[in-house]
PDB file of N, CA and C in Angstrom:
ATOM      1  N   MET A   1       1.936  -6.299  28.138  1.00  0.00           N
ATOM      2  CA  MET A   1       2.393  -6.648  27.060  1.00  0.00           C
ATOM      3  C   MET A   1       3.062  -5.753  26.081  1.00  0.00           C
ATOM      4  N   THR A   2       4.506  -6.216  25.872  1.00  0.00           N
ATOM      5  CA  THR A   2       5.462  -5.527  25.267  1.00  0.00           C
ATOM      6  C   THR A   2       4.915  -5.706  23.509  1.00  0.00           C
ATOM      7  N   ALA A   3       5.026  -4.437  22.707  1.00  0.00           N
ATOM      8  CA  ALA A   3       4.654  -4.398  21.520  1.00  0.00           C
ATOM      9  C   ALA A   3       6.091  -4.983  20.559  1.00  0.00           C
ATOM     10  N   ILE A   4       5.742  -5.866  19.710  1.00  0.00           N
ATOM     11  CA  ILE A   4       7.053  -6.344  18.948  1.00  0.00           C
ATOM     12  C   ILE A   4       7.001  -5.634  17.558  1.00  0.00           C
ATOM     13  N   PRO A   5       8.357  -4.938  17.567  1.00  0.00           N
ATOM     14  CA  PRO A   5       8.590  -4.056  16.429  1.00  0.00           C
ATOM     15  C   PRO A   5       8.165  -4.843  15.077  1.00  0.00           C
ATOM     16  N   PHE A   6       7.839  -4.079  14.126  1.00  0.00           N
ATOM     17  CA  PHE A   6       7.421  -4.610  12.722  1.00  0.00           C
ATOM     18  C   PHE A   6       8.296  -3.858  11.704  1.00  0.00           C
ATOM     19  N   THR A   7       9.110  -4.660  10.766  1.00  0.00           N
ATOM     20  CA  THR A   7       9.819  -3.960   9.898  1.00  0.00           C
ATOM     21  C   THR A   7       9.567  -4.229   8.376  1.00  0.00           C
ATOM     22  N   ILE A   8       9.285  -3.310   7.514  1.00  0.00           N
ATOM     23  CA  ILE A   8       8.853  -3.248   6.125  1.00  0.00           C
ATOM     24  C   ILE A   8       9.740  -2.755   5.273  1.00  0.00           C
ATOM     25  N   GLY A   9      10.820  -3.397   4.667  1.00  0.00           N
ATOM     26  CA  GLY A   9      11.832  -2.442   3.856  1.00  0.00           C
ATOM     27  C   GLY A   9      12.777  -1.686   4.744  1.00  0.00           C
ATOM     28  N   ARG A  10      12.829  -0.559   4.631  1.00  0.00           N
ATOM     29  CA  ARG A  10      13.820   0.506   5.313  1.00  0.00           C
ATOM     30  C   ARG A  10      13.078   0.848   6.830  1.00  0.00           C
ATOM     31  N   TRP A  11      12.002   0.825   6.819  1.00  0.00           N
ATOM     32  CA  TRP A  11      11.150   1.149   7.720  1.00  0.00           C
ATOM     33  C   TRP A  11      11.023   0.280   8.813  1.00  0.00           C
ATOM     34  N   THR A  12      11.005   0.534  10.167  1.00  0.00           N
ATOM     35  CA  THR A  12      10.727  -0.084  11.374  1.00  0.00           C
ATOM     36  C   THR A  12       9.773   0.706  12.285  1.00  0.00           C
ATOM     37  N   PHE A  13       8.747   0.103  12.650  1.00  0.00           N
ATOM     38  CA  PHE A  13       7.573   0.455  13.319  1.00  0.00           C
ATOM     39  C   PHE A  13       7.848  -0.020  14.814  1.00  0.00           C
ATOM     40  N   PRO A  14       7.277   0.611  15.789  1.00  0.00           N
ATOM     41  CA  PRO A  14       7.384   0.007  17.096  1.00  0.00           C
ATOM     42  C   PRO A  14       6.381  -1.154  17.258  1.00  0.00           C
ATOM     43  N   SER A  15       5.328  -1.232  16.478  1.00  0.00           N
ATOM     44  CA  SER A  15       4.414  -2.139  16.589  1.00  0.00           C
ATOM     45  C   SER A  15       3.634  -2.379  15.256  1.00  0.00           C
ATOM     46  N   LYS A  16       2.803  -3.478  15.208  1.00  0.00           N
ATOM     47  CA  LYS A  16       1.839  -3.605  14.027  1.00  0.00           C
ATOM     48  C   LYS A  16       1.067  -2.569  13.783  1.00  0.00           C
ATOM     49  N   ALA A  17       0.383  -2.076  14.925  1.00  0.00           N
ATOM     50  CA  ALA A  17      -0.626  -0.900  15.119  1.00  0.00           C
ATOM     51  C   ALA A  17       0.034   0.088  14.694  1.00  0.00           C
ATOM     52  N   ALA A  18       1.310   0.438  14.923  1.00  0.00           N
ATOM     53  CA  ALA A  18       1.871   1.692  14.212  1.00  0.00           C
ATOM     54  C   ALA A  18       2.116   1.659  12.907  1.00  0.00           C
ATOM     55  N   PHE A  19       2.282   0.519  12.161  1.00  0.00           N
ATOM     56  CA  PHE A  19       2.412   0.366  10.786  1.00  0.00           C
ATOM     57  C   PHE A  19       0.889   0.688  10.169  1.00  0.00           C
ATOM     58  N   ILE A  20      -0.173   0.123  10.721  1.00  0.00           N
ATOM     59  CA  ILE A  20      -1.281   0.326  10.487  1.00  0.00           C
ATOM     60  C   ILE A  20      -1.799   1.723  10.458  1.00  0.00           C
ATOM     61  N   ALA A  21      -1.358   2.631  11.634  1.00  0.00           N
ATOM     62  CA  ALA A  21      -1.814   4.049  11.746  1.00  0.00           C
ATOM     63  C   ALA A  21      -0.898   4.564  10.503  1.00  0.00           C
ATOM     64  N   ARG A  22       0.268   4.282  10.300  1.00  0.00           N
ATOM     65  CA  ARG A  22       0.738   4.997   9.200  1.00  0.00           C
ATOM     66  C   ARG A  22       0.338   4.897   7.729  1.00  0.00           C
ATOM     67  N   CYS A  23      -0.222   3.606   7.723  1.00  0.00           N
ATOM     68  CA  CYS A  23      -0.826   3.228   6.206  1.00  0.00           C
ATOM     69  C   CYS A  23      -2.103   4.083   6.155  1.00  0.00           C
ATOM     70  N   ARG A  24      -2.954   4.137   7.303  1.00  0.00           N
ATOM     71  CA  ARG A  24      -4.071   4.917   7.358  1.00  0.00           C
ATOM     72  C   ARG A  24      -3.879   6.651   6.875  1.00  0.00           C
ATOM     73  N   ALA A  25      -2.828   6.737   7.805  1.00  0.00           N
ATOM     74  CA  ALA A  25      -2.505   8.183   7.598  1.00  0.00           C
ATOM     75  C   ALA A  25      -2.093   8.612   6.130  1.00  0.00           C
ATOM     76  N   ILE A  26      -1.479   7.483   5.462  1.00  0.00           N
ATOM     77  CA  ILE A  26      -1.291   8.010   3.987  1.00  0.00           C
ATOM     78  C   ILE A  26      -2.476   7.859   3.276  1.00  0.00           C
ATOM     79  N   LEU A  27      -3.311   6.872   3.343  1.00  0.00           N
ATOM     80  CA  LEU A  27      -4.644   6.815   2.758  1.00  0.00           C
ATOM     81  C   LEU A  27      -5.657   8.099   2.810  1.00  0.00           C
ATOM     82  N   HIS A  28      -5.683   8.497   4.343  1.00  0.00           N
ATOM     83  CA  HIS A  28      -6.534   9.716   4.504  1.00  0.00           C
ATOM     84  C   HIS A  28      -5.718  11.036   4.516  1.00  0.00           C
ATOM     85  N   GLY A  29      -4.576  11.069   4.081  1.00  0.00           N
ATOM     86  CA  GLY A  29      -3.620  12.246   4.065  1.00  0.00           C
ATOM     87  C   GLY A  29      -3.720  12.913   2.845  1.00  0.00           C
ATOM     88  N   GLY A  30      -4.582  12.540   1.967  1.00  0.00           N
ATOM     89  CA  GLY A  30      -4.626  13.211   0.637  1.00  0.00           C
ATOM     90  C   GLY A  30      -6.000  13.103   0.172  1.00  0.00           C
ATOM     91  N   ASP A  31      -6.447  13.849  -0.955  1.00  0.00           N
ATOM     92  CA  ASP A  31      -7.605  13.695  -1.682  1.00  0.00           C
ATOM     93  C   ASP A  31      -7.840  12.393  -2.148  1.00  0.00           C
ATOM     94  N   ILE A  32      -8.784  11.611  -2.323  1.00  0.00           N
ATOM     95  CA  ILE A  32      -9.241  10.488  -3.367  1.00  0.00           C
ATOM     96  C   ILE A  32      -8.761  10.891  -4.604  1.00  0.00           C
ATOM     97  N   ASP A  33      -8.348  10.001  -5.119  1.00  0.00           N
ATOM     98  CA  ASP A  33      -7.927   9.825  -6.815  1.00  0.00           C
ATOM     99  C   ASP A  33      -6.715  10.740  -6.804  1.00  0.00           C
ATOM    100  N   THR A  34      -5.956  10.839  -5.979  1.00  0.00           N
ATOM    101  CA  THR A  34      -4.572  11.463  -6.141  1.00  0.00           C
ATOM    102  C   THR A  34      -3.407  10.620  -5.858  1.00  0.00           C
ATOM    103  N   GLU A  35      -2.167  10.935  -6.736  1.00  0.00           N
ATOM    104  CA  GLU A  35      -0.987  10.090  -6.656  1.00  0.00           C
ATOM    105  C   GLU A  35      -0.125  10.294  -5.324  1.00  0.00           C
ATOM    106  N   ILE A  36       0.075   9.193  -4.673  1.00  0.00           N
ATOM    107  CA  ILE A  36       0.910   9.194  -3.364  1.00  0.00           C
ATOM    108  C   ILE A  36       2.414   9.197  -3.988  1.00  0.00           C
ATOM    109  N   ARG A  37       3.076  10.310  -3.358  1.00  0.00           N
ATOM    110  CA  ARG A  37       4.451  10.591  -3.597  1.00  0.00           C
ATOM    111  C   ARG A  37       5.559  10.731  -2.394  1.00  0.00           C
ATOM    112  N   GLY A  38       6.808  10.694  -2.889  1.00  0.00           N
ATOM    113  CA  GLY A  38       7.715  10.803  -1.964  1.00  0.00           C
ATOM    114  C   GLY A  38       7.845   9.551  -0.949  1.00  0.00           C
ATOM    115  N   THR A  39       8.212   9.718   0.118  1.00  0.00           N
ATOM    116  CA  THR A  39       8.522   8.778   0.970  1.00  0.00           C
ATOM    117  C   THR A  39       7.074   7.888   1.459  1.00  0.00           C
ATOM    118  N   ASP A  40       6.013   8.535   1.261  1.00  0.00           N
ATOM    119  CA  ASP A  40       4.751   7.668   1.588  1.00  0.00           C
ATOM    120  C   ASP A  40       4.720   6.697   0.193  1.00  0.00           C
ATOM    121  N   ALA A  41       5.078   7.063  -1.001  1.00  0.00           N
ATOM    122  CA  ALA A  41       5.233   6.370  -2.135  1.00  0.00           C
ATOM    123  C   ALA A  41       6.059   5.058  -1.777  1.00  0.00           C
ATOM    124  N   GLU A  42       7.132   5.431  -1.260  1.00  0.00           N
ATOM    125  CA  GLU A  42       8.522   4.407  -0.910  1.00  0.00           C
ATOM    126  C   GLU A  42       7.367   3.431  -0.194  1.00  0.00           C
ATOM    127  N   LEU A  43       6.803   3.618   0.995  1.00  0.00           N
ATOM    128  CA  LEU A  43       6.486   2.859   1.859  1.00  0.00           C
ATOM    129  C   LEU A  43       5.252   1.799   0.998  1.00  0.00           C
ATOM    130  N   VAL A  44       4.472   2.525   0.647  1.00  0.00           N
ATOM    131  CA  VAL A  44       3.493   1.963  -0.269  1.00  0.00           C
ATOM    132  C   VAL A  44       3.872   0.703  -1.281  1.00  0.00           C
ATOM    133  N   GLU A  45       5.181   1.093  -1.902  1.00  0.00           N
ATOM    134  CA  GLU A  45       5.568   0.341  -2.585  1.00  0.00           C
ATOM    135  C   GLU A  45       6.150  -0.916  -2.201  1.00  0.00           C
ATOM    136  N   MET A  46       6.858  -0.857  -0.868  1.00  0.00           N
ATOM    137  CA  MET A  46       7.391  -2.103  -0.245  1.00  0.00           C
ATOM    138  C   MET A  46       6.103  -2.770   0.052  1.00  0.00           C
ATOM    139  N   VAL A  47       4.902  -2.154   0.677  1.00  0.00           N
ATOM    140  CA  VAL A  47       3.631  -3.086   0.833  1.00  0.00           C
ATOM    141  C   VAL A  47       3.495  -3.804  -0.549  1.00  0.00           C
ATOM    142  N   PHE A  48       3.336  -3.059  -1.509  1.00  0.00           N
ATOM    143  CA  PHE A  48       3.070  -3.651  -2.781  1.00  0.00           C
ATOM    144  C   PHE A  48       3.936  -5.017  -2.878  1.00  0.00           C
ATOM    145  N   TRP A  49       5.043  -4.860  -2.972  1.00  0.00           N
ATOM    146  CA  TRP A  49       5.888  -5.970  -3.173  1.00  0.00           C
ATOM    147  C   TRP A  49       5.996  -6.962  -2.216  1.00  0.00           C
ATOM    148  N   LEU A  50       5.330  -7.057  -1.395  1.00  0.00           N
ATOM    149  CA  LEU A  50       4.886  -8.071  -0.315  1.00  0.00           C
ATOM    150  C   LEU A  50       3.890  -8.828  -0.665  1.00  0.00           C
ATOM    151  N   ARG A  51       3.069  -8.283  -1.794  1.00  0.00           N
ATOM    152  CA  ARG A  51       1.804  -8.886  -1.966  1.00  0.00           C
ATOM    153  C   ARG A  51       2.300  -9.753  -3.316  1.00  0.00           C
ATOM    154  N   ALA A  52       2.544 -10.845  -3.046  1.00  0.00           N
ATOM    155  CA  ALA A  52       2.961 -11.873  -4.099  1.00  0.00           C
ATOM    156  C   ALA A  52       1.652 -12.133  -5.171  1.00  0.00           C
ATOM    157  N   ASP A  53       0.545 -11.972  -4.709  1.00  0.00           N
ATOM    158  CA  ASP A  53      -0.802 -12.360  -5.442  1.00  0.00           C
ATOM    159  C   ASP A  53      -0.747 -10.974  -6.299  1.00  0.00           C
ATOM    160  N   LYS A  54      -0.480  -9.926  -5.659  1.00  0.00           N
ATOM    161  CA  LYS A  54      -0.725  -8.785  -6.824  1.00  0.00           C
ATOM    162  C   LYS A  54       0.401  -8.749  -7.894  1.00  0.00           C
ATOM    163  N   LEU A  55       1.578  -9.129  -7.439  1.00  0.00           N
ATOM    164  CA  LEU A  55       2.932  -9.274  -8.398  1.00  0.00           C
ATOM    165  C   LEU A  55       2.576 -10.282  -9.457  1.00  0.00           C
ATOM    166  N   LYS A  56       1.848 -11.311  -9.057  1.00  0.00           N
ATOM    167  CA  LYS A  56       1.704 -12.199 -10.288  1.00  0.00           C
ATOM    168  C   LYS A  56       0.748 -11.798 -11.356  1.00  0.00           C
ATOM    169  N   VAL A  57      -0.305 -11.056 -10.530  1.00  0.00           N
ATOM    170  CA  VAL A  57      -1.344 -10.205 -11.510  1.00  0.00           C
ATOM    171  C   VAL A  57      -0.608  -9.542 -12.413  1.00  0.00           C
ATOM    172  N   CYS A  58       0.540  -8.543 -11.911  1.00  0.00           N
ATOM    173  CA  CYS A  58       1.306  -7.501 -12.760  1.00  0.00           C
ATOM    174  C   CYS A  58       1.847  -8.516 -13.949  1.00  0.00           C
ATOM    175  N   GLY A  59       2.396  -9.674 -14.035  1.00  0.00           N
ATOM    176  CA  GLY A  59       3.129 -10.323 -15.089  1.00  0.00           C
ATOM    177  C   GLY A  59       4.380  -9.583 -15.262  1.00  0.00           C
ATOM    178  N   SER A  60       4.498  -8.823 -16.553  1.00  0.00           N
ATOM    179  CA  SER A  60       5.524  -8.340 -17.285  1.00  0.00           C
ATOM    180  C   SER A  60       5.329  -6.574 -16.921  1.00  0.00           C
ATOM    181  N   ARG A  61       4.080  -6.517 -16.830  1.00  0.00           N
ATOM    182  CA  ARG A  61       3.934  -4.852 -16.644  1.00  0.00           C
ATOM    183  C   ARG A  61       4.490  -4.180 -15.451  1.00  0.00           C
ATOM    184  N   GLN A  62       4.804  -3.130 -15.458  1.00  0.00           N
ATOM    185  CA  GLN A  62       5.429  -2.228 -14.445  1.00  0.00           C
ATOM    186  C   GLN A  62       4.401  -1.385 -13.795  1.00  0.00           C
ATOM    187  N   VAL A  63       4.817  -1.184 -12.424  1.00  0.00           N
ATOM    188  CA  VAL A  63       4.054   0.033 -11.755  1.00  0.00           C
ATOM    189  C   VAL A  63       4.596   1.186 -12.035  1.00  0.00           C
ATOM    190  N   VAL A  64       3.865   2.391 -12.380  1.00  0.00           N
ATOM    191  CA  VAL A  64       4.623   3.471 -12.936  1.00  0.00           C
ATOM    192  C   VAL A  64       4.042   4.493 -11.722  1.00  0.00           C
ATOM    193  N   ALA A  65       3.081   4.389 -10.971  1.00  0.00           N
ATOM    194  CA  ALA A  65       2.676   5.228  -9.978  1.00  0.00           C
ATOM    195  C   ALA A  65       1.615   4.446  -8.708  1.00  0.00           C
ATOM    196  N   TYR A  66       1.647   4.903  -7.563  1.00  0.00           N
ATOM    197  CA  TYR A  66       0.550   4.727  -6.495  1.00  0.00           C
ATOM    198  C   TYR A  66      -0.456   5.924  -6.204  1.00  0.00           C
ATOM    199  N   HIS A  67      -1.583   5.244  -6.141  1.00  0.00           N
ATOM    200  CA  HIS A  67      -2.492   6.377  -5.870  1.00  0.00           C
ATOM    201  C   HIS A  67      -3.389   5.902  -4.660  1.00  0.00           C
ATOM    202  N   ARG A  68      -4.201   6.996  -4.081  1.00  0.00           N
ATOM    203  CA  ARG A  68      -5.178   6.484  -3.160  1.00  0.00           C
ATOM    204  C   ARG A  68      -6.771   6.794  -3.803  1.00  0.00           C
ATOM    205  N   ARG A  69      -7.320   5.532  -3.937  1.00  0.00           N
ATOM    206  CA  ARG A  69      -8.614   5.586  -4.670  1.00  0.00           C
ATOM    207  C   ARG A  69      -9.520   4.949  -3.744  1.00  0.00           C
ATOM    208  N   LYS A  70     -10.900   5.210  -4.150  1.00  0.00           N
ATOM    209  CA  LYS A  70     -11.927   4.404  -3.360  1.00  0.00           C
ATOM    210  C   LYS A  70     -11.870   2.861  -3.824  1.00  0.00           C
ATOM    211  N   HIS A  71     -12.076   1.986  -2.735  1.00  0.00           N
ATOM    212  CA  HIS A  71     -12.090   0.382  -3.033  1.00  0.00           C
ATOM    213  C   HIS A  71     -13.024   0.189  -4.335  1.00  0.00           C
ATOM    214  N   PRO A  72     -13.120  -0.793  -5.236  1.00  0.00           N
ATOM    215  CA  PRO A  72     -14.126  -1.083  -6.199  1.00  0.00           C
ATOM    216  C   PRO A  72     -15.272  -1.418  -5.590  1.00  0.00           C
ATOM    217  N   SER A  73     -15.429  -2.070  -4.369  1.00  0.00           N
ATOM    218  CA  SER A  73     -16.626  -2.660  -3.617  1.00  0.00           C
ATOM    219  C   SER A  73     -16.905  -2.069  -2.507  1.00  0.00           C
ATOM    220  N   TYR A  74     -16.108  -1.326  -1.961  1.00  0.00           N
ATOM    221  CA  TYR A  74     -16.709  -0.598  -0.569  1.00  0.00           C
ATOM    222  C   TYR A  74     -16.347   0.627  -0.716  1.00  0.00           C
ATOM    223  N   PRO A  75     -17.155   1.459   0.255  1.00  0.00           N
ATOM    224  CA  PRO A  75     -16.927   3.211   0.174  1.00  0.00           C
ATOM    225  C   PRO A  75     -15.933   3.468   1.050  1.00  0.00           C
ATOM    226  N   THR A  76     -14.472   2.657   0.904  1.00  0.00           N
ATOM    227  CA  THR A  76     -13.476   3.074   1.759  1.00  0.00           C
ATOM    228  C   THR A  76     -12.187   3.551   0.929  1.00  0.00           C
ATOM    229  N   PRO A  77     -11.496   3.995   1.181  1.00  0.00           N
ATOM    230  CA  PRO A  77      -9.951   4.441   0.299  1.00  0.00           C
ATOM    231  C   PRO A  77      -9.261   3.129   0.506  1.00  0.00           C
ATOM    232  N   CYS A  78      -8.523   2.960  -0.680  1.00  0.00           N
ATOM    233  CA  CYS A  78      -7.363   1.687  -0.515  1.00  0.00           C
ATOM    234  C   CYS A  78      -6.385   2.282  -1.291  1.00  0.00           C
ATOM    235  N   PHE A  79      -5.206   1.362  -1.402  1.00  0.00           N
ATOM    236  CA  PHE A  79      -4.227   1.914  -2.260  1.00  0.00           C
ATOM    237  C   PHE A  79      -4.206   1.017  -3.613  1.00  0.00           C
ATOM    238  N   HIS A  80      -3.779   1.847  -4.799  1.00  0.00           N
ATOM    239  CA  HIS A  80      -3.810   1.288  -5.991  1.00  0.00           C
ATOM    240  C   HIS A  80      -2.485   1.707  -6.694  1.00  0.00           C
ATOM    241  N   ALA A  81      -2.012   0.424  -7.445  1.00  0.00           N
ATOM    242  CA  ALA A  81      -0.883   0.528  -8.334  1.00  0.00           C
ATOM    243  C   ALA A  81      -1.564   0.915  -9.902  1.00  0.00           C
ATOM    244  N   GLU A  82      -0.682   1.863 -10.259  1.00  0.00           N
ATOM    245  CA  GLU A  82      -1.037   2.251 -11.664  1.00  0.00           C
ATOM    246  C   GLU A  82       0.074   1.437 -12.783  1.00  0.00           C
ATOM    247  N   LEU A  83      -0.577   0.421 -13.565  1.00  0.00           N
ATOM    248  CA  LEU A  83       0.420  -0.166 -14.307  1.00  0.00           C
ATOM    249  C   LEU A  83       0.824   0.394 -15.557  1.00  0.00           C
ATOM    250  N   ASP A  84       1.732   0.048 -16.416  1.00  0.00           N
ATOM    251  CA  ASP A  84       2.242   0.957 -17.670  1.00  0.00           C
ATOM    252  C   ASP A  84       1.436   0.892 -18.565  1.00  0.00           C
ATOM    253  N   ASP A  85       0.224  -0.047 -18.698  1.00  0.00           N
ATOM    254  CA  ASP A  85      -0.584   0.020 -19.654  1.00  0.00           C
ATOM    255  C   ASP A  85      -1.903   0.679 -19.250  1.00  0.00           C
ATOM    256  N   GLY A  86      -1.996   1.407 -18.066  1.00  0.00           N
ATOM    257  CA  GLY A  86      -3.103   2.295 -17.770  1.00  0.00           C
ATOM    258  C   GLY A  86      -4.150   1.426 -16.641  1.00  0.00           C
ATOM    259  N   THR A  87      -3.744   0.211 -16.498  1.00  0.00           N
ATOM    260  CA  THR A  87      -4.677  -0.777 -15.398  1.00  0.00           C
ATOM    261  C   THR A  87      -4.399   0.022 -14.093  1.00  0.00           C
ATOM    262  N   MET A  88      -5.434   0.087 -13.042  1.00  0.00           N
ATOM    263  CA  MET A  88      -5.223   0.343 -11.899  1.00  0.00           C
ATOM    264  C   MET A  88      -5.505  -0.822 -11.216  1.00  0.00           C
ATOM    265  N   LEU A  89      -4.695  -1.420 -10.145  1.00  0.00           N
ATOM    266  CA  LEU A  89      -4.662  -2.709  -9.304  1.00  0.00           C
ATOM    267  C   LEU A  89      -4.757  -2.273  -8.129  1.00  0.00           C
ATOM    268  N   ASP A  90      -5.917  -2.742  -7.211  1.00  0.00           N
ATOM    269  CA  ASP A  90      -6.079  -2.541  -5.891  1.00  0.00           C
ATOM    270  C   ASP A  90      -5.432  -3.195  -5.010  1.00  0.00           C
ATOM    271  N   PHE A  91      -4.939  -3.023  -3.760  1.00  0.00           N
ATOM    272  CA  PHE A  91      -4.389  -3.752  -2.942  1.00  0.00           C
ATOM    273  C   PHE A  91      -4.423  -3.059  -1.424  1.00  0.00           C
ATOM    274  N   SER A  92      -4.645  -4.300  -0.603  1.00  0.00           N
ATOM    275  CA  SER A  92      -4.741  -4.022   0.859  1.00  0.00           C
ATOM    276  C   SER A  92      -3.473  -3.740   1.474  1.00  0.00           C
ATOM    277  N   PHE A  93      -2.942  -3.106   2.519  1.00  0.00           N
ATOM    278  CA  PHE A  93      -1.930  -3.271   3.317  1.00  0.00           C
ATOM    279  C   PHE A  93      -2.034  -4.267   4.562  1.00  0.00           C
ATOM    280  N   ARG A  94      -3.180  -4.379   4.639  1.00  0.00           N
ATOM    281  CA  ARG A  94      -3.821  -5.214   5.881  1.00  0.00           C
ATOM    282  C   ARG A  94      -2.984  -6.997   5.516  1.00  0.00           C
ATOM    283  N   LYS A  95      -3.040  -7.309   4.309  1.00  0.00           N
ATOM    284  CA  LYS A  95      -2.760  -8.516   3.964  1.00  0.00           C
ATOM    285  C   LYS A  95      -1.508  -9.031   4.261  1.00  0.00           C
ATOM    286  N   VAL A  96      -0.531  -7.781   4.301  1.00  0.00           N
ATOM    287  CA  VAL A  96       0.891  -8.231   4.441  1.00  0.00           C
ATOM    288  C   VAL A  96       1.065  -8.660   5.931  1.00  0.00           C
ATOM    289  N   LEU A  97       0.128  -8.483   6.853  1.00  0.00           N
ATOM    290  CA  LEU A  97       0.170  -8.592   8.277  1.00  0.00           C
ATOM    291  C   LEU A  97      -0.249  -9.995   8.653  1.00  0.00           C
ATOM    292  N   ARG A  98      -0.879 -10.603   7.567  1.00  0.00           N
ATOM    293  CA  ARG A  98      -1.262 -12.173   7.742  1.00  0.00           C
ATOM    294  C   ARG A  98      -0.130 -12.981   7.655  1.00  0.00           C
ATOM    295  N   PRO A  99      -0.139 -14.224   8.419  1.00  0.00           N
ATOM    296  CA  PRO A  99       0.830 -15.135   8.104  1.00  0.00           C
ATOM    297  C   PRO A  99       0.642 -16.000   6.908  1.00  0.00           C
TER     298      PRO A  99
END
């Protein structure tokens, strides 16, 4: 079976599995409670912008940084958006893969 390319923003991955692997590499590529920077942050931002539910929660607040932190309910790392009022909003990259 041939993999179907997956595009998010300016990035095209050979498959959804490759996208998942890249997101996992970002989550595990640095210490917990650290800011994600550079092109990794650009990809994480694209993921965030595809999460309409999270954008609604933001309201008029702006994202000032992206972080890797522990999930609030599980012992796993996840992405967090730091908002301009200091709020940390967790979000999953896997939900952008769901129809």
